C-alpha cells in the first residue's frame, strides 16, 4: 500500500503587482474639511502559472468622495505566488479563494494605508474581511445564476418548438 502524498502549501513570493493613486481635484481638495465617504471594492482572482504553482491576486479599489468631488482613488493589486500540491481537487478552489486571500489581505491593507497617508490624507484602515463568507456567497450566487440561465435556455427551447 502506498501512502497518499501529504498536501503542500507554501508562500513563494508576495508582491505589489500594481499600484495606482489619483487625486483629480488637487490641490483644492486639500482645503475641504468635510469627512469623505469611502467606497471599497474588493476582488480576488487566481491562476495556475506552473505545475503546483498559483498566482493569487487581491485587488482593491478605494474611492473617497466629498459630495460629488473625488478626493482620491487608490487601486492596489497585492499578489502572491503559492506552491500548492496534493490538495484534493474539490478543495483547491477554497484554498485559492479563502486561504490565499487571508494571507494577502494584511499586506494589501498596509499598502492602502501607507499610500493614502503619503498622498496627504488621513489613513484608510480597512476592516477585516471574512473571505470564507465571501467565497461561499460567490459560489451560491454562481449556482443561482447557472440555474436561472438553464431555466431561460429551456424556456427559449420550448418557445422555438411551439413556433
C-alpha atoms as a PDB file:
ATOM      1  CA  UNK A   1       0.000   0.000   0.000  1.00  0.00           C
ATOM      2  CA  UNK A   2       1.250   3.444  -0.830  1.00  0.00           C
ATOM      3  CA  UNK A   3       0.516   6.424   1.383  1.00  0.00           C
ATOM      4  CA  UNK A   4      -1.141   9.367  -0.324  1.00  0.00           C
ATOM      5  CA  UNK A   5       1.253  12.268  -0.567  1.00  0.00           C
ATOM      6  CA  UNK A   6       0.912  14.948   2.074  1.00  0.00           C
ATOM      7  CA  UNK A   7      -0.567  18.273   0.957  1.00  0.00           C
ATOM      8  CA  UNK A   8       1.975  21.039   0.363  1.00  0.00           C
ATOM      9  CA  UNK A   9       1.193  24.727   0.845  1.00  0.00           C
ATOM     10  CA  UNK A  10       3.917  27.349   0.832  1.00  0.00           C
ATOM     11  CA  UNK A  11       4.270  31.030   0.057  1.00  0.00           C
ATOM     12  CA  UNK A  12       6.853  31.513  -2.670  1.00  0.00           C
ATOM     13  CA  UNK A  13       6.566  35.296  -3.158  1.00  0.00           C
ATOM     14  CA  UNK A  14       4.375  38.197  -2.023  1.00  0.00           C
ATOM     15  CA  UNK A  15       4.437  41.414  -4.051  1.00  0.00           C
ATOM     16  CA  UNK A  16       2.531  44.510  -5.140  1.00  0.00           C
ATOM     17  CA  UNK A  17       1.653  43.831  -8.762  1.00  0.00           C
ATOM     18  CA  UNK A  18       0.039  47.186  -9.498  1.00  0.00           C
ATOM     19  CA  UNK A  19      -0.455  50.428  -7.586  1.00  0.00           C
ATOM     20  CA  UNK A  20      -2.363  53.486  -8.723  1.00  0.00           C
ATOM     21  CA  UNK A  21      -3.217  56.729  -6.941  1.00  0.00           C
ATOM     22  CA  UNK A  22      -5.235  59.567  -8.429  1.00  0.00           C
ATOM     23  CA  UNK A  23      -6.044  62.915  -6.817  1.00  0.00           C
ATOM     24  CA  UNK A  24      -8.098  64.519  -9.593  1.00  0.00           C
ATOM     25  CA  UNK A  25      -9.114  67.635  -7.657  1.00  0.00           C
ATOM     26  CA  UNK A  26      -5.746  68.537  -6.146  1.00  0.00           C
ATOM     27  CA  UNK A  27      -4.767  70.984  -4.776  1.00  0.00           C
ATOM     28  CA  UNK A  28      -8.203  72.451  -3.919  1.00  0.00           C
ATOM     29  CA  UNK A  29      -9.483  69.175  -2.430  1.00  0.00           C
ATOM     30  CA  UNK A  30      -6.981  69.569   0.436  1.00  0.00           C
ATOM     31  CA  UNK A  31      -8.878  72.669   1.560  1.00  0.00           C
ATOM     32  CA  UNK A  32     -12.078  70.649   2.030  1.00  0.00           C
ATOM     33  CA  UNK A  33     -12.577  69.804   5.711  1.00  0.00           C
ATOM     34  CA  UNK A  34     -15.594  67.515   5.360  1.00  0.00           C
ATOM     35  CA  UNK A  35     -15.259  63.827   6.122  1.00  0.00           C
ATOM     36  CA  UNK A  36     -15.242  61.890   2.864  1.00  0.00           C
ATOM     37  CA  UNK A  37     -17.384  58.899   2.034  1.00  0.00           C
ATOM     38  CA  UNK A  38     -15.091  55.993   1.167  1.00  0.00           C
ATOM     39  CA  UNK A  39     -16.292  53.265  -1.180  1.00  0.00           C
ATOM     40  CA  UNK A  40     -14.348  49.993  -1.188  1.00  0.00           C
ATOM     41  CA  UNK A  41     -14.471  47.279  -3.858  1.00  0.00           C
ATOM     42  CA  UNK A  42     -12.542  44.057  -3.357  1.00  0.00           C
ATOM     43  CA  UNK A  43     -11.922  41.256  -5.876  1.00  0.00           C
ATOM     44  CA  UNK A  44      -9.913  38.055  -5.900  1.00  0.00           C
ATOM     45  CA  UNK A  45      -8.561  36.125  -8.845  1.00  0.00           C
ATOM     46  CA  UNK A  46      -6.327  33.083  -9.112  1.00  0.00           C
ATOM     47  CA  UNK A  47      -4.427  31.492 -11.949  1.00  0.00           C
ATOM     48  CA  UNK A  48      -2.298  28.380 -12.303  1.00  0.00           C
ATOM     49  CA  UNK A  49       1.110  29.530 -13.565  1.00  0.00           C
ATOM     50  CA  UNK A  50       3.018  26.235 -13.463  1.00  0.00           C
ATOM     51  CA  UNK A  51       2.676  22.715 -12.120  1.00  0.00           C
ATOM     52  CA  UNK A  52       1.616  23.169  -8.485  1.00  0.00           C
ATOM     53  CA  UNK A  53       2.236  26.953  -8.640  1.00  0.00           C
ATOM     54  CA  UNK A  54      -0.544  29.525  -8.473  1.00  0.00           C
ATOM     55  CA  UNK A  55      -0.730  33.291  -8.530  1.00  0.00           C
ATOM     56  CA  UNK A  56      -3.488  34.783  -6.398  1.00  0.00           C
ATOM     57  CA  UNK A  57      -4.385  38.413  -6.917  1.00  0.00           C
ATOM     58  CA  UNK A  58      -6.304  40.517  -4.400  1.00  0.00           C
ATOM     59  CA  UNK A  59      -7.446  43.811  -5.929  1.00  0.00           C
ATOM     60  CA  UNK A  60      -8.946  46.725  -4.038  1.00  0.00           C
ATOM     61  CA  UNK A  61     -10.322  49.990  -5.339  1.00  0.00           C
ATOM     62  CA  UNK A  62     -10.890  52.674  -2.710  1.00  0.00           C
ATOM     63  CA  UNK A  63     -12.621  55.870  -3.761  1.00  0.00           C
ATOM     64  CA  UNK A  64     -13.072  58.779  -1.351  1.00  0.00           C
ATOM     65  CA  UNK A  65     -15.580  61.488  -2.216  1.00  0.00           C
ATOM     66  CA  UNK A  66     -16.860  64.657  -0.622  1.00  0.00           C
ATOM     67  CA  UNK A  67     -20.257  65.308  -2.163  1.00  0.00           C
ATOM     68  CA  UNK A  68     -19.581  64.769  -5.867  1.00  0.00           C
ATOM     69  CA  UNK A  69     -15.869  65.621  -5.757  1.00  0.00           C
ATOM     70  CA  UNK A  70     -13.393  62.754  -5.744  1.00  0.00           C
ATOM     71  CA  UNK A  71     -10.711  63.262  -3.092  1.00  0.00           C
ATOM     72  CA  UNK A  72      -8.661  60.263  -4.157  1.00  0.00           C
ATOM     73  CA  UNK A  73      -8.887  56.961  -5.928  1.00  0.00           C
ATOM     74  CA  UNK A  74      -6.492  54.173  -4.998  1.00  0.00           C
ATOM     75  CA  UNK A  75      -6.216  50.819  -6.723  1.00  0.00           C
ATOM     76  CA  UNK A  76      -3.852  48.162  -5.417  1.00  0.00           C
ATOM     77  CA  UNK A  77      -3.198  44.660  -6.686  1.00  0.00           C
ATOM     78  CA  UNK A  78      -1.496  42.615  -3.988  1.00  0.00           C
ATOM     79  CA  UNK A  79      -0.299  39.297  -5.361  1.00  0.00           C
ATOM     80  CA  UNK A  80       1.248  36.121  -4.139  1.00  0.00           C
ATOM     81  CA  UNK A  81       2.757  33.051  -5.701  1.00  0.00           C
ATOM     82  CA  UNK A  82       1.819  29.938  -3.782  1.00  0.00           C
ATOM     83  CA  UNK A  83       3.011  26.375  -4.135  1.00  0.00           C
ATOM     84  CA  UNK A  84       0.015  24.123  -3.631  1.00  0.00           C
ATOM     85  CA  UNK A  85       0.341  20.403  -4.252  1.00  0.00           C
ATOM     86  CA  UNK A  86      -1.542  17.211  -3.390  1.00  0.00           C
ATOM     87  CA  UNK A  87      -4.694  19.063  -2.365  1.00  0.00           C
ATOM     88  CA  UNK A  88      -7.902  17.246  -3.348  1.00  0.00           C
ATOM     89  CA  UNK A  89      -9.435  18.803  -6.466  1.00  0.00           C
ATOM     90  CA  UNK A  90     -12.657  19.662  -4.633  1.00  0.00           C
ATOM     91  CA  UNK A  91     -10.743  21.690  -2.036  1.00  0.00           C
ATOM     92  CA  UNK A  92      -8.416  23.612  -4.370  1.00  0.00           C
ATOM     93  CA  UNK A  93     -10.917  26.424  -5.087  1.00  0.00           C
ATOM     94  CA  UNK A  94     -11.411  27.006  -1.365  1.00  0.00           C
ATOM     95  CA  UNK A  95      -7.644  27.170  -0.762  1.00  0.00           C
ATOM     96  CA  UNK A  96      -7.263  29.713  -3.589  1.00  0.00           C
ATOM     97  CA  UNK A  97     -10.383  31.678  -2.611  1.00  0.00           C
ATOM     98  CA  UNK A  98     -10.050  31.681   1.175  1.00  0.00           C
ATOM     99  CA  UNK A  99      -6.597  30.756   2.499  1.00  0.00           C
ATOM    100  CA  UNK A 100      -4.519  32.730  -0.004  1.00  0.00           C
ATOM    101  CA  UNK A 101      -6.558  35.983   0.220  1.00  0.00           C
ATOM    102  CA  UNK A 102      -6.378  35.732   4.029  1.00  0.00           C
ATOM    103  CA  UNK A 103      -2.581  35.761   3.722  1.00  0.00           C
ATOM    104  CA  UNK A 104      -2.520  38.633   1.203  1.00  0.00           C
ATOM    105  CA  UNK A 105      -5.013  40.937   2.943  1.00  0.00           C
ATOM    106  CA  UNK A 106      -2.751  42.333   5.724  1.00  0.00           C
ATOM    107  CA  UNK A 107      -0.173  43.348   3.089  1.00  0.00           C
ATOM    108  CA  UNK A 108      -2.852  44.964   0.926  1.00  0.00           C
ATOM    109  CA  UNK A 109      -4.199  46.773   3.970  1.00  0.00           C
ATOM    110  CA  UNK A 110      -0.768  48.192   4.781  1.00  0.00           C
ATOM    111  CA  UNK A 111      -0.148  49.379   1.201  1.00  0.00           C
ATOM    112  CA  UNK A 112      -3.518  51.174   1.041  1.00  0.00           C
ATOM    113  CA  UNK A 113      -2.983  52.890   4.399  1.00  0.00           C
ATOM    114  CA  UNK A 114       0.576  53.899   3.502  1.00  0.00           C
ATOM    115  CA  UNK A 115      -0.169  55.302   0.038  1.00  0.00           C
ATOM    116  CA  UNK A 116      -3.202  57.300   1.239  1.00  0.00           C
ATOM    117  CA  UNK A 117      -1.165  58.771   4.112  1.00  0.00           C
ATOM    118  CA  UNK A 118       1.724  59.628   1.792  1.00  0.00           C
ATOM    119  CA  UNK A 119      -0.770  61.351  -0.515  1.00  0.00           C
ATOM    120  CA  UNK A 120      -1.597  63.755   2.331  1.00  0.00           C
ATOM    121  CA  UNK A 121      -4.882  62.276   3.556  1.00  0.00           C
ATOM    122  CA  UNK A 122      -5.899  60.555   6.778  1.00  0.00           C
ATOM    123  CA  UNK A 123      -5.094  56.846   6.669  1.00  0.00           C
ATOM    124  CA  UNK A 124      -7.713  54.459   5.354  1.00  0.00           C
ATOM    125  CA  UNK A 125      -7.771  51.476   7.689  1.00  0.00           C
ATOM    126  CA  UNK A 126      -9.531  48.582   6.026  1.00  0.00           C
ATOM    127  CA  UNK A 127     -11.777  46.465   8.214  1.00  0.00           C
ATOM    128  CA  UNK A 128     -11.062  42.738   8.396  1.00  0.00           C
ATOM    129  CA  UNK A 129     -12.666  40.672   5.635  1.00  0.00           C
ATOM    130  CA  UNK A 130     -14.254  37.250   6.017  1.00  0.00           C
ATOM    131  CA  UNK A 131     -13.020  35.610   2.813  1.00  0.00           C
ATOM    132  CA  UNK A 132     -14.714  32.345   3.721  1.00  0.00           C
ATOM    133  CA  UNK A 133     -18.128  34.024   3.773  1.00  0.00           C
ATOM    134  CA  UNK A 134     -17.362  35.879   0.516  1.00  0.00           C
ATOM    135  CA  UNK A 135     -16.220  32.644  -1.126  1.00  0.00           C
ATOM    136  CA  UNK A 136     -19.413  30.778  -0.233  1.00  0.00           C
ATOM    137  CA  UNK A 137     -21.621  33.760  -1.178  1.00  0.00           C
ATOM    138  CA  UNK A 138     -19.938  33.876  -4.582  1.00  0.00           C
ATOM    139  CA  UNK A 139     -20.327  30.146  -5.023  1.00  0.00           C
ATOM    140  CA  UNK A 140     -24.027  30.304  -4.077  1.00  0.00           C
ATOM    141  CA  UNK A 141     -24.609  33.230  -6.435  1.00  0.00           C
ATOM    142  CA  UNK A 142     -22.865  31.381  -9.288  1.00  0.00           C
ATOM    143  CA  UNK A 143     -25.111  28.357  -8.688  1.00  0.00           C
ATOM    144  CA  UNK A 144     -28.218  30.573  -8.715  1.00  0.00           C
ATOM    145  CA  UNK A 145     -27.082  32.301 -11.918  1.00  0.00           C
ATOM    146  CA  UNK A 146     -26.438  28.916 -13.513  1.00  0.00           C
ATOM    147  CA  UNK A 147     -29.896  27.656 -12.528  1.00  0.00           C
ATOM    148  CA  UNK A 148     -31.515  30.834 -13.875  1.00  0.00           C
ATOM    149  CA  UNK A 149     -29.582  30.521 -17.152  1.00  0.00           C
ATOM    150  CA  UNK A 150     -30.756  26.905 -17.510  1.00  0.00           C
ATOM    151  CA  UNK A 151     -34.394  27.946 -16.971  1.00  0.00           C
ATOM    152  CA  UNK A 152     -34.076  30.704 -19.592  1.00  0.00           C
ATOM    153  CA  UNK A 153     -32.427  28.285 -22.025  1.00  0.00           C
ATOM    154  CA  UNK A 154     -35.216  25.713 -21.530  1.00  0.00           C
ATOM    155  CA  UNK A 155     -37.875  28.420 -21.966  1.00  0.00           C
ATOM    156  CA  UNK A 156     -36.232  29.534 -25.212  1.00  0.00           C
ATOM    157  CA  UNK A 157     -36.108  25.919 -26.467  1.00  0.00           C
ATOM    158  CA  UNK A 158     -39.799  25.473 -25.619  1.00  0.00           C
ATOM    159  CA  UNK A 159     -40.610  28.699 -27.410  1.00  0.00           C
ATOM    160  CA  UNK A 160     -38.723  27.523 -30.542  1.00  0.00           C
ATOM    161  CA  UNK A 161     -40.572  24.221 -30.533  1.00  0.00           C
ATOM    162  CA  UNK A 162     -44.027  25.804 -30.234  1.00  0.00           C
ATOM    163  CA  UNK A 163     -43.474  28.328 -33.067  1.00  0.00           C
END
